Amino acid sequence: MKRFSNTKHLARTIIVMASVAILAAGVTFAALQSQQDTLAGNTVETATADLRLSTDGTSFSNSHAGFDFNNLIPGGPAVPTAGYSVYLEDSGGTPLSIKLAVGSVPTNPDNVDLSKVNIVLTEVAGGTGSQNFSLQSLIAASSTGGLPISSTIDTHNAKQYKLQVSMTSDAVNGSGAILGNIDFVFSGVAQSS
């Protein structure tokens, strides 16, 4: 029995010694760790999407007076023949894809079929050619941010477009018609790389 007691005592001694050795190794390991280094006060900022427009290529802002597309002959060529100039400038910090919508419900006292009135947008220099949008589709697209234009604008650059209107010969009945309160809305959407 005494022998069993000595063995028990020896086992306790071994366990205590092993525990002290483990603690000492842990303390030694902790003593070899470096201090914590902190990179403090970071911020995250997005690039800015800032599209501006102009009718003369020099004075850019968020809003300009519109145009009078007069003497339009249903079924005839788009007017005006030379088009009205619209310049779009990316004043932000990211390239922009461009969208177009009509942000108002036009006055239409003569019941013109808005699906047969076409807005013609042409990039002037090196563009993708003319794009035609029905007035009705641009009104409907207002709730989703507009219809995409096949054009992008790089940061701090501007592009010139020609804006015209045409309509099919069956868009209106009668001796003439007028549409008013048409707000063309251009918007820029940041392009991901």
C-alpha atoms as a PDB file:
ATOM      1  CA  MET A   1       0.000   0.000   0.000  1.00  0.00           C
ATOM      2  CA  LYS A   2       2.867   2.278   0.784  1.00  0.00           C
ATOM      3  CA  ARG A   3       4.239   1.564  -2.615  1.00  0.00           C
ATOM      4  CA  PHE A   4       0.951   2.637  -4.258  1.00  0.00           C
ATOM      5  CA  SER A   5       1.017   5.835  -2.193  1.00  0.00           C
ATOM      6  CA  ASN A   6       4.575   6.592  -3.385  1.00  0.00           C
ATOM      7  CA  THR A   7       3.524   6.024  -6.974  1.00  0.00           C
ATOM      8  CA  LYS A   8       0.558   8.316  -6.468  1.00  0.00           C
ATOM      9  CA  HIS A   9       2.818  10.955  -4.957  1.00  0.00           C
ATOM     10  CA  LEU A  10       5.282  10.562  -7.833  1.00  0.00           C
ATOM     11  CA  ALA A  11       2.456  10.957 -10.408  1.00  0.00           C
ATOM     12  CA  ARG A  12       1.303  14.168  -8.692  1.00  0.00           C
ATOM     13  CA  THR A  13       4.818  15.502  -8.745  1.00  0.00           C
ATOM     14  CA  ILE A  14       5.152  14.731 -12.482  1.00  0.00           C
ATOM     15  CA  ILE A  15       1.805  16.443 -13.211  1.00  0.00           C
ATOM     16  CA  VAL A  16       2.811  19.534 -11.209  1.00  0.00           C
ATOM     17  CA  MET A  17       6.191  19.692 -12.927  1.00  0.00           C
ATOM     18  CA  ALA A  18       4.592  19.280 -16.381  1.00  0.00           C
ATOM     19  CA  SER A  19       2.089  22.061 -15.587  1.00  0.00           C
ATOM     20  CA  VAL A  20       4.892  24.387 -14.484  1.00  0.00           C
ATOM     21  CA  ALA A  21       6.846  23.550 -17.659  1.00  0.00           C
ATOM     22  CA  ILE A  22       3.770  24.263 -19.847  1.00  0.00           C
ATOM     23  CA  LEU A  23       3.124  27.562 -18.049  1.00  0.00           C
ATOM     24  CA  ALA A  24       6.760  28.561 -18.365  1.00  0.00           C
ATOM     25  CA  ALA A  25       6.718  27.772 -22.093  1.00  0.00           C
ATOM     26  CA  GLY A  26       3.500  29.827 -22.431  1.00  0.00           C
ATOM     27  CA  VAL A  27       5.015  32.751 -20.587  1.00  0.00           C
ATOM     28  CA  THR A  28       8.125  32.486 -22.708  1.00  0.00           C
ATOM     29  CA  PHE A  29       5.977  32.437 -25.867  1.00  0.00           C
ATOM     30  CA  ALA A  30       3.982  35.470 -24.668  1.00  0.00           C
ATOM     31  CA  ALA A  31       7.170  37.303 -23.923  1.00  0.00           C
ATOM     32  CA  LEU A  32       8.251  36.811 -27.570  1.00  0.00           C
ATOM     33  CA  GLN A  33       5.074  38.284 -29.081  1.00  0.00           C
ATOM     34  CA  SER A  34       5.222  41.779 -30.489  1.00  0.00           C
ATOM     35  CA  GLN A  35       3.024  44.595 -29.336  1.00  0.00           C
ATOM     36  CA  GLN A  36      -0.199  45.331 -31.267  1.00  0.00           C
ATOM     37  CA  ASP A  37       0.196  47.964 -33.969  1.00  0.00           C
ATOM     38  CA  THR A  38      -2.919  49.917 -34.914  1.00  0.00           C
ATOM     39  CA  LEU A  39      -3.829  51.616 -38.176  1.00  0.00           C
ATOM     40  CA  ALA A  40      -6.430  53.948 -36.693  1.00  0.00           C
ATOM     41  CA  GLY A  41      -9.059  56.328 -37.970  1.00  0.00           C
ATOM     42  CA  ASN A  42      -9.610  54.881 -41.468  1.00  0.00           C
ATOM     43  CA  THR A  43     -12.422  56.143 -43.701  1.00  0.00           C
ATOM     44  CA  VAL A  44     -14.023  54.723 -46.840  1.00  0.00           C
ATOM     45  CA  GLU A  45     -15.290  57.113 -49.526  1.00  0.00           C
ATOM     46  CA  THR A  46     -16.953  56.379 -52.833  1.00  0.00           C
ATOM     47  CA  ALA A  47     -16.070  58.098 -56.062  1.00  0.00           C
ATOM     48  CA  THR A  48     -18.526  60.811 -57.053  1.00  0.00           C
ATOM     49  CA  ALA A  49     -20.898  60.526 -59.999  1.00  0.00           C
ATOM     50  CA  ASP A  50     -21.500  64.080 -61.225  1.00  0.00           C
ATOM     51  CA  LEU A  51     -22.992  64.665 -64.672  1.00  0.00           C
ATOM     52  CA  ARG A  52     -23.433  68.235 -65.924  1.00  0.00           C
ATOM     53  CA  LEU A  53     -24.986  69.555 -69.126  1.00  0.00           C
ATOM     54  CA  SER A  54     -24.591  72.550 -71.370  1.00  0.00           C
ATOM     55  CA  THR A  55     -26.072  73.888 -74.582  1.00  0.00           C
ATOM     56  CA  ASP A  56     -23.013  75.929 -75.579  1.00  0.00           C
ATOM     57  CA  GLY A  57     -20.131  73.677 -74.441  1.00  0.00           C
ATOM     58  CA  THR A  58     -18.798  76.209 -71.927  1.00  0.00           C
ATOM     59  CA  SER A  59     -21.378  76.779 -69.194  1.00  0.00           C
ATOM     60  CA  PHE A  60     -22.161  73.449 -67.480  1.00  0.00           C
ATOM     61  CA  SER A  61     -24.820  72.997 -64.791  1.00  0.00           C
ATOM     62  CA  ASN A  62     -27.565  70.614 -63.668  1.00  0.00           C
ATOM     63  CA  SER A  63     -30.343  72.364 -65.586  1.00  0.00           C
ATOM     64  CA  HIS A  64     -30.777  74.388 -68.791  1.00  0.00           C
ATOM     65  CA  ALA A  65     -33.760  75.750 -70.693  1.00  0.00           C
ATOM     66  CA  GLY A  66     -35.032  73.380 -73.370  1.00  0.00           C
ATOM     67  CA  PHE A  67     -35.592  73.817 -77.096  1.00  0.00           C
ATOM     68  CA  ASP A  68     -38.499  74.488 -79.451  1.00  0.00           C
ATOM     69  CA  PHE A  69     -38.701  71.706 -82.047  1.00  0.00           C
ATOM     70  CA  ASN A  70     -40.948  73.593 -84.492  1.00  0.00           C
ATOM     71  CA  ASN A  71     -42.058  73.091 -88.110  1.00  0.00           C
ATOM     72  CA  LEU A  72     -42.043  69.311 -87.662  1.00  0.00           C
ATOM     73  CA  ILE A  73     -43.733  67.527 -90.569  1.00  0.00           C
ATOM     74  CA  PRO A  74     -45.187  64.117 -89.550  1.00  0.00           C
ATOM     75  CA  GLY A  75     -43.447  61.493 -91.680  1.00  0.00           C
ATOM     76  CA  GLY A  76     -40.722  63.979 -92.632  1.00  0.00           C
ATOM     77  CA  PRO A  77     -37.107  64.331 -91.503  1.00  0.00           C
ATOM     78  CA  ALA A  78     -36.074  64.986 -87.909  1.00  0.00           C
ATOM     79  CA  VAL A  79     -35.944  68.634 -86.845  1.00  0.00           C
ATOM     80  CA  PRO A  80     -34.018  70.777 -86.634  1.00  0.00           C
ATOM     81  CA  THR A  81     -31.933  69.590 -89.569  1.00  0.00           C
ATOM     82  CA  ALA A  82     -28.622  70.442 -87.843  1.00  0.00           C
ATOM     83  CA  GLY A  83     -29.958  69.356 -84.432  1.00  0.00           C
ATOM     84  CA  TYR A  84     -29.673  71.201 -81.167  1.00  0.00           C
ATOM     85  CA  SER A  85     -26.363  70.804 -79.347  1.00  0.00           C
ATOM     86  CA  VAL A  86     -26.300  69.217 -75.929  1.00  0.00           C
ATOM     87  CA  TYR A  87     -22.988  68.742 -74.149  1.00  0.00           C
ATOM     88  CA  LEU A  88     -22.622  66.294 -71.262  1.00  0.00           C
ATOM     89  CA  GLU A  89     -19.646  66.523 -68.910  1.00  0.00           C
ATOM     90  CA  ASP A  90     -18.473  64.029 -66.310  1.00  0.00           C
ATOM     91  CA  SER A  91     -17.411  66.303 -63.432  1.00  0.00           C
ATOM     92  CA  GLY A  92     -17.115  63.454 -60.943  1.00  0.00           C
ATOM     93  CA  GLY A  93     -14.509  60.898 -60.038  1.00  0.00           C
ATOM     94  CA  THR A  94     -15.623  57.879 -62.102  1.00  0.00           C
ATOM     95  CA  PRO A  95     -16.453  57.158 -65.751  1.00  0.00           C
ATOM     96  CA  LEU A  96     -20.196  57.312 -66.437  1.00  0.00           C
ATOM     97  CA  SER A  97     -22.624  55.361 -68.588  1.00  0.00           C
ATOM     98  CA  ILE A  98     -25.356  57.722 -69.758  1.00  0.00           C
ATOM     99  CA  LYS A  99     -29.126  57.272 -69.575  1.00  0.00           C
ATOM    100  CA  LEU A 100     -31.972  59.364 -70.992  1.00  0.00           C
ATOM    101  CA  ALA A 101     -35.561  59.717 -69.788  1.00  0.00           C
ATOM    102  CA  VAL A 102     -38.426  62.183 -69.906  1.00  0.00           C
ATOM    103  CA  GLY A 103     -39.103  63.291 -66.358  1.00  0.00           C
ATOM    104  CA  SER A 104     -42.520  64.878 -66.910  1.00  0.00           C
ATOM    105  CA  VAL A 105     -45.847  63.979 -68.456  1.00  0.00           C
ATOM    106  CA  PRO A 106     -46.111  66.170 -71.561  1.00  0.00           C
ATOM    107  CA  THR A 107     -49.158  68.285 -72.223  1.00  0.00           C
ATOM    108  CA  ASN A 108     -50.863  66.707 -75.200  1.00  0.00           C
ATOM    109  CA  PRO A 109     -54.089  68.603 -76.067  1.00  0.00           C
ATOM    110  CA  ASP A 110     -54.161  67.197 -79.633  1.00  0.00           C
ATOM    111  CA  ASN A 111     -53.833  63.524 -78.602  1.00  0.00           C
ATOM    112  CA  VAL A 112     -50.574  62.858 -80.411  1.00  0.00           C
ATOM    113  CA  ASP A 113     -49.592  59.161 -80.207  1.00  0.00           C
ATOM    114  CA  LEU A 114     -46.463  59.484 -78.041  1.00  0.00           C
ATOM    115  CA  SER A 115     -45.206  56.071 -79.133  1.00  0.00           C
ATOM    116  CA  LYS A 116     -44.871  57.512 -82.670  1.00  0.00           C
ATOM    117  CA  VAL A 117     -42.862  60.579 -81.648  1.00  0.00           C
ATOM    118  CA  ASN A 118     -39.130  59.852 -81.863  1.00  0.00           C
ATOM    119  CA  ILE A 119     -36.296  61.528 -79.999  1.00  0.00           C
ATOM    120  CA  VAL A 120     -33.093  61.236 -82.030  1.00  0.00           C
ATOM    121  CA  LEU A 121     -29.798  61.554 -80.153  1.00  0.00           C
ATOM    122  CA  THR A 122     -26.502  61.500 -82.057  1.00  0.00           C
ATOM    123  CA  GLU A 123     -22.996  61.657 -80.571  1.00  0.00           C
ATOM    124  CA  VAL A 124     -21.184  64.260 -82.684  1.00  0.00           C
ATOM    125  CA  ALA A 125     -17.513  63.201 -82.632  1.00  0.00           C
ATOM    126  CA  GLY A 126     -16.612  59.545 -83.129  1.00  0.00           C
ATOM    127  CA  GLY A 127     -19.876  58.336 -81.681  1.00  0.00           C
ATOM    128  CA  THR A 128     -21.957  55.251 -82.139  1.00  0.00           C
ATOM    129  CA  GLY A 129     -24.351  56.907 -84.604  1.00  0.00           C
ATOM    130  CA  SER A 130     -27.909  58.056 -83.998  1.00  0.00           C
ATOM    131  CA  GLN A 131     -30.157  56.453 -81.435  1.00  0.00           C
ATOM    132  CA  ASN A 132     -33.942  56.714 -81.656  1.00  0.00           C
ATOM    133  CA  PHE A 133     -36.185  56.574 -78.604  1.00  0.00           C
ATOM    134  CA  SER A 134     -39.955  56.868 -78.663  1.00  0.00           C
ATOM    135  CA  LEU A 135     -41.236  59.641 -76.432  1.00  0.00           C
ATOM    136  CA  GLN A 136     -43.516  57.106 -74.731  1.00  0.00           C
ATOM    137  CA  SER A 137     -40.592  54.774 -73.884  1.00  0.00           C
ATOM    138  CA  LEU A 138     -38.617  57.677 -72.381  1.00  0.00           C
ATOM    139  CA  ILE A 139     -41.605  58.650 -70.213  1.00  0.00           C
ATOM    140  CA  ALA A 140     -42.001  55.043 -69.035  1.00  0.00           C
ATOM    141  CA  ALA A 141     -38.252  54.757 -68.346  1.00  0.00           C
ATOM    142  CA  SER A 142     -38.319  57.711 -65.966  1.00  0.00           C
ATOM    143  CA  SER A 143     -39.239  55.442 -63.055  1.00  0.00           C
ATOM    144  CA  THR A 144     -36.194  53.217 -63.685  1.00  0.00           C
ATOM    145  CA  GLY A 145     -33.602  55.953 -64.284  1.00  0.00           C
ATOM    146  CA  GLY A 146     -33.855  56.104 -68.063  1.00  0.00           C
ATOM    147  CA  LEU A 147     -32.870  54.178 -71.158  1.00  0.00           C
ATOM    148  CA  PRO A 148     -29.167  53.559 -71.773  1.00  0.00           C
ATOM    149  CA  ILE A 149     -27.394  55.612 -74.396  1.00  0.00           C
ATOM    150  CA  SER A 150     -24.619  53.797 -76.278  1.00  0.00           C
ATOM    151  CA  SER A 151     -22.066  56.196 -74.891  1.00  0.00           C
ATOM    152  CA  THR A 152     -19.814  56.593 -71.883  1.00  0.00           C
ATOM    153  CA  ILE A 153     -18.003  59.669 -70.658  1.00  0.00           C
ATOM    154  CA  ASP A 154     -14.637  59.522 -68.930  1.00  0.00           C
ATOM    155  CA  THR A 155     -13.879  61.511 -65.806  1.00  0.00           C
ATOM    156  CA  HIS A 156     -13.428  65.249 -66.416  1.00  0.00           C
ATOM    157  CA  ASN A 157     -14.359  64.950 -70.091  1.00  0.00           C
ATOM    158  CA  ALA A 158     -17.335  66.176 -72.105  1.00  0.00           C
ATOM    159  CA  LYS A 159     -19.116  64.901 -75.205  1.00  0.00           C
ATOM    160  CA  GLN A 160     -21.334  66.739 -77.656  1.00  0.00           C
ATOM    161  CA  TYR A 161     -24.632  65.321 -78.849  1.00  0.00           C
ATOM    162  CA  LYS A 162     -27.143  66.454 -81.449  1.00  0.00           C
ATOM    163  CA  LEU A 163     -30.807  66.329 -80.328  1.00  0.00           C
ATOM    164  CA  GLN A 164     -33.662  66.108 -82.847  1.00  0.00           C
ATOM    165  CA  VAL A 165     -37.341  65.091 -82.941  1.00  0.00           C
ATOM    166  CA  SER A 166     -39.365  63.295 -85.612  1.00  0.00           C
ATOM    167  CA  MET A 167     -42.769  61.637 -85.769  1.00  0.00           C
ATOM    168  CA  THR A 168     -44.461  59.144 -88.044  1.00  0.00           C
ATOM    169  CA  SER A 169     -47.122  60.365 -90.455  1.00  0.00           C
ATOM    170  CA  ASP A 170     -49.896  58.667 -88.477  1.00  0.00           C
ATOM    171  CA  ALA A 171     -48.867  60.080 -85.077  1.00  0.00           C
ATOM    172  CA  VAL A 172     -51.468  62.854 -85.253  1.00  0.00           C
ATOM    173  CA  ASN A 173     -54.895  63.548 -86.807  1.00  0.00           C
ATOM    174  CA  GLY A 174     -55.853  67.045 -87.811  1.00  0.00           C
ATOM    175  CA  SER A 175     -54.222  70.134 -89.175  1.00  0.00           C
ATOM    176  CA  GLY A 176     -51.505  70.397 -86.524  1.00  0.00           C
ATOM    177  CA  ALA A 177     -50.492  69.444 -83.012  1.00  0.00           C
ATOM    178  CA  ILE A 178     -48.407  70.632 -80.119  1.00  0.00           C
ATOM    179  CA  LEU A 179     -46.715  68.848 -77.234  1.00  0.00           C
ATOM    180  CA  GLY A 180     -45.411  70.789 -74.243  1.00  0.00           C
ATOM    181  CA  ASN A 181     -43.763  70.384 -70.852  1.00  0.00           C
ATOM    182  CA  ILE A 182     -41.224  67.809 -72.069  1.00  0.00           C
ATOM    183  CA  ASP A 183     -38.247  67.548 -69.705  1.00  0.00           C
ATOM    184  CA  PHE A 184     -35.333  65.505 -71.078  1.00  0.00           C
ATOM    185  CA  VAL A 185     -33.422  64.040 -68.131  1.00  0.00           C
ATOM    186  CA  PHE A 186     -29.852  62.798 -68.607  1.00  0.00           C
ATOM    187  CA  SER A 187     -28.234  60.785 -65.847  1.00  0.00           C
ATOM    188  CA  GLY A 188     -24.854  59.167 -65.347  1.00  0.00           C
ATOM    189  CA  VAL A 189     -24.294  55.774 -63.778  1.00  0.00           C
ATOM    190  CA  ALA A 190     -20.841  54.911 -62.437  1.00  0.00           C
ATOM    191  CA  GLN A 191     -19.105  52.207 -64.420  1.00  0.00           C
ATOM    192  CA  SER A 192     -17.453  49.441 -62.481  1.00  0.00           C
ATOM    193  CA  SER A 193     -13.970  48.510 -63.601  1.00  0.00           C
END
